[in-house]
């Protein structure tokens, strides 16, 4: 079934059956591989994308539910002011260890900073709680989000 979606500012026609997770359309159909598969049950956050500016788990968001929405993936984040600040902070502080979860971490961090421009460490921990990092770089992730807030304030 052909469905037209708006992804990263482009209208794209995709061929997907109803019930197909957005994650598989993004990765397999559109070849945007920055969004990762982690658990398939929306528990780890590796597949986080933005739907109308809000972080969602692409593994549990179905293609038929996004036809009229604006979808943004990690590939487009550097063009966003907040996304660029988060990516800059990640590089400055060497947040990444293995990197597998980091696109989801960044997408969630951007969501937090759009909602709360001056988060506390506790705010970061609470908001980012649903994003798992198998390497346990949580302290560096927290520091990265707080640094991104400083960059945005400057």
Protein backbone atom coordinates (compact mmCIF):
# COMPACT_ATOMS: atom_id res chain seq x y z
CA UNK A 1 0.00 0.00 0.00
CA UNK A 2 1.42 3.40 -0.96
CA UNK A 3 1.49 6.01 1.80
CA UNK A 4 2.82 9.53 1.53
CA UNK A 5 4.75 10.78 4.57
CA UNK A 6 6.65 13.96 5.42
CA UNK A 7 10.09 12.95 6.65
CA UNK A 8 12.95 15.37 7.27
CA UNK A 9 11.09 18.07 5.37
CA UNK A 10 10.46 15.98 2.26
CA UNK A 11 7.25 14.38 1.10
CA UNK A 12 8.05 10.74 0.35
CA UNK A 13 5.89 7.93 -0.99
CA UNK A 14 6.52 4.61 0.71
CA UNK A 15 5.15 1.14 0.14
CA UNK A 16 4.11 -0.34 3.49
CA UNK A 17 1.30 -2.45 4.85
CA UNK A 18 -0.85 -1.09 7.69
CA UNK A 19 0.66 -2.12 11.00
CA UNK A 20 4.22 -1.70 9.76
CA UNK A 21 6.32 0.07 12.39
CA UNK A 22 7.66 3.44 11.28
CA UNK A 23 11.13 2.21 12.24
CA UNK A 24 11.18 -0.36 9.45
CA UNK A 25 9.94 2.16 6.89
CA UNK A 26 12.66 4.61 7.94
CA UNK A 27 15.44 2.01 7.87
CA UNK A 28 14.42 -0.46 5.17
CA UNK A 29 12.34 1.58 2.74
CA UNK A 30 14.00 5.01 3.07
CA UNK A 31 17.52 3.77 3.96
CA UNK A 32 17.89 6.26 6.82
CA UNK A 33 19.88 4.06 9.16
CA UNK A 34 20.68 6.52 11.95
CA UNK A 35 17.53 5.45 13.78
CA UNK A 36 18.35 2.15 15.46
CA UNK A 37 16.42 -0.97 16.44
CA UNK A 38 16.99 -1.78 20.07
CA UNK A 39 14.17 -3.73 21.69
CA UNK A 40 11.05 -3.49 19.52
CA UNK A 41 8.78 -2.74 22.49
CA UNK A 42 9.48 1.00 23.07
CA UNK A 43 11.54 0.33 26.20
CA UNK A 44 15.07 1.34 25.20
CA UNK A 45 14.70 4.53 23.15
CA UNK A 46 17.21 3.60 20.42
CA UNK A 47 14.52 4.16 17.78
CA UNK A 48 13.46 7.64 18.96
CA UNK A 49 12.40 10.07 16.24
CA UNK A 50 10.36 13.26 16.42
CA UNK A 51 6.73 13.26 15.36
CA UNK A 52 5.43 16.83 15.04
CA UNK A 53 8.38 17.90 17.20
CA UNK A 54 7.79 15.38 19.99
CA UNK A 55 10.02 12.36 20.69
CA UNK A 56 8.30 9.03 19.96
CA UNK A 57 9.46 5.44 19.65
CA UNK A 58 9.44 4.50 15.97
CA UNK A 59 9.27 0.77 16.75
CA UNK A 60 5.77 1.20 18.18
CA UNK A 61 4.52 3.99 15.89
CA UNK A 62 2.67 2.61 12.90
CA UNK A 63 2.96 3.94 9.39
CA UNK A 64 -0.77 4.58 9.02
CA UNK A 65 -0.63 6.88 12.07
CA UNK A 66 1.96 9.26 10.61
CA UNK A 67 0.52 10.10 7.20
CA UNK A 68 -0.35 13.70 8.17
CA UNK A 69 2.55 14.20 10.59
CA UNK A 70 6.00 15.72 10.29
CA UNK A 71 8.67 13.11 11.05
CA UNK A 72 12.25 14.10 11.88
CA UNK A 73 15.11 11.65 12.21
CA UNK A 74 18.66 12.03 13.52
CA UNK A 75 19.83 12.71 9.95
CA UNK A 76 18.11 16.12 10.06
CA UNK A 77 19.01 17.11 13.65
CA UNK A 78 22.18 19.07 12.83
CA UNK A 79 20.05 21.58 10.90
CA UNK A 80 17.98 22.31 14.01
CA UNK A 81 19.38 24.89 16.48
CA UNK A 82 18.75 22.68 19.49
CA UNK A 83 19.89 19.54 17.68
CA UNK A 84 23.13 21.23 16.63
CA UNK A 85 23.78 22.33 20.23
CA UNK A 86 23.22 18.78 21.51
CA UNK A 87 25.52 17.32 18.87
CA UNK A 88 28.18 19.94 19.67
CA UNK A 89 27.97 19.12 23.38
CA UNK A 90 28.19 15.38 22.64
CA UNK A 91 31.41 15.98 20.68
CA UNK A 92 32.91 18.40 23.22
CA UNK A 93 32.34 16.02 26.12
CA UNK A 94 33.03 12.79 24.23
CA UNK A 95 29.68 11.41 25.40
CA UNK A 96 29.62 8.42 23.06
CA UNK A 97 31.16 5.09 23.94
CA UNK A 98 29.86 2.45 21.50
CA UNK A 99 27.37 4.88 19.95
CA UNK A 100 24.52 2.49 19.25
CA UNK A 101 21.95 4.26 21.43
CA UNK A 102 23.18 7.76 20.80
CA UNK A 103 20.80 8.79 18.01
CA UNK A 104 17.91 7.99 20.34
CA UNK A 105 19.65 9.76 23.22
CA UNK A 106 20.16 12.87 21.10
CA UNK A 107 16.57 12.87 19.85
CA UNK A 108 15.29 12.65 23.43
CA UNK A 109 17.74 15.31 24.64
CA UNK A 110 16.46 17.67 21.94
CA UNK A 111 12.89 16.98 23.08
CA UNK A 112 13.84 17.81 26.66
CA UNK A 113 15.63 21.05 25.76
CA UNK A 114 12.73 22.22 23.62
CA UNK A 115 10.43 21.63 26.58
CA UNK A 116 12.80 22.87 29.30
CA UNK A 117 15.64 25.16 28.20
CA UNK A 118 17.30 25.13 31.65
CA UNK A 119 16.99 21.61 33.01
CA UNK A 120 18.53 20.50 36.27
CA UNK A 121 20.46 17.25 36.53
CA UNK A 122 17.35 15.72 38.07
CA UNK A 123 15.21 16.96 35.15
CA UNK A 124 17.63 15.33 32.72
CA UNK A 125 17.62 12.03 34.61
CA UNK A 126 13.82 11.98 34.76
CA UNK A 127 13.26 12.89 31.10
CA UNK A 128 15.95 10.61 29.73
CA UNK A 129 14.96 7.66 31.94
CA UNK A 130 13.40 5.71 29.05
CA UNK A 131 16.60 5.78 27.00
CA UNK A 132 18.83 2.81 27.79
CA UNK A 133 22.58 2.87 27.30
CA UNK A 134 24.20 -0.54 27.47
CA UNK A 135 27.60 1.10 28.02
CA UNK A 136 26.17 3.03 31.01
CA UNK A 137 27.39 6.46 29.90
CA UNK A 138 24.51 8.09 31.79
CA UNK A 139 26.75 10.60 33.59
CA UNK A 140 28.24 11.73 30.28
CA UNK A 141 24.78 11.89 28.69
CA UNK A 142 23.53 14.05 31.58
CA UNK A 143 26.60 16.29 31.27
CA UNK A 144 26.02 16.54 27.51
CA UNK A 145 22.42 17.67 27.92
CA UNK A 146 23.44 20.27 30.53
CA UNK A 147 26.26 21.47 28.28
CA UNK A 148 23.86 21.78 25.35
CA UNK A 149 21.63 23.97 27.53
CA UNK A 150 24.65 26.21 28.23
CA UNK A 151 25.45 26.42 24.50
CA UNK A 152 21.86 27.43 23.75
CA UNK A 153 21.97 30.10 26.47
CA UNK A 154 25.09 31.76 25.05
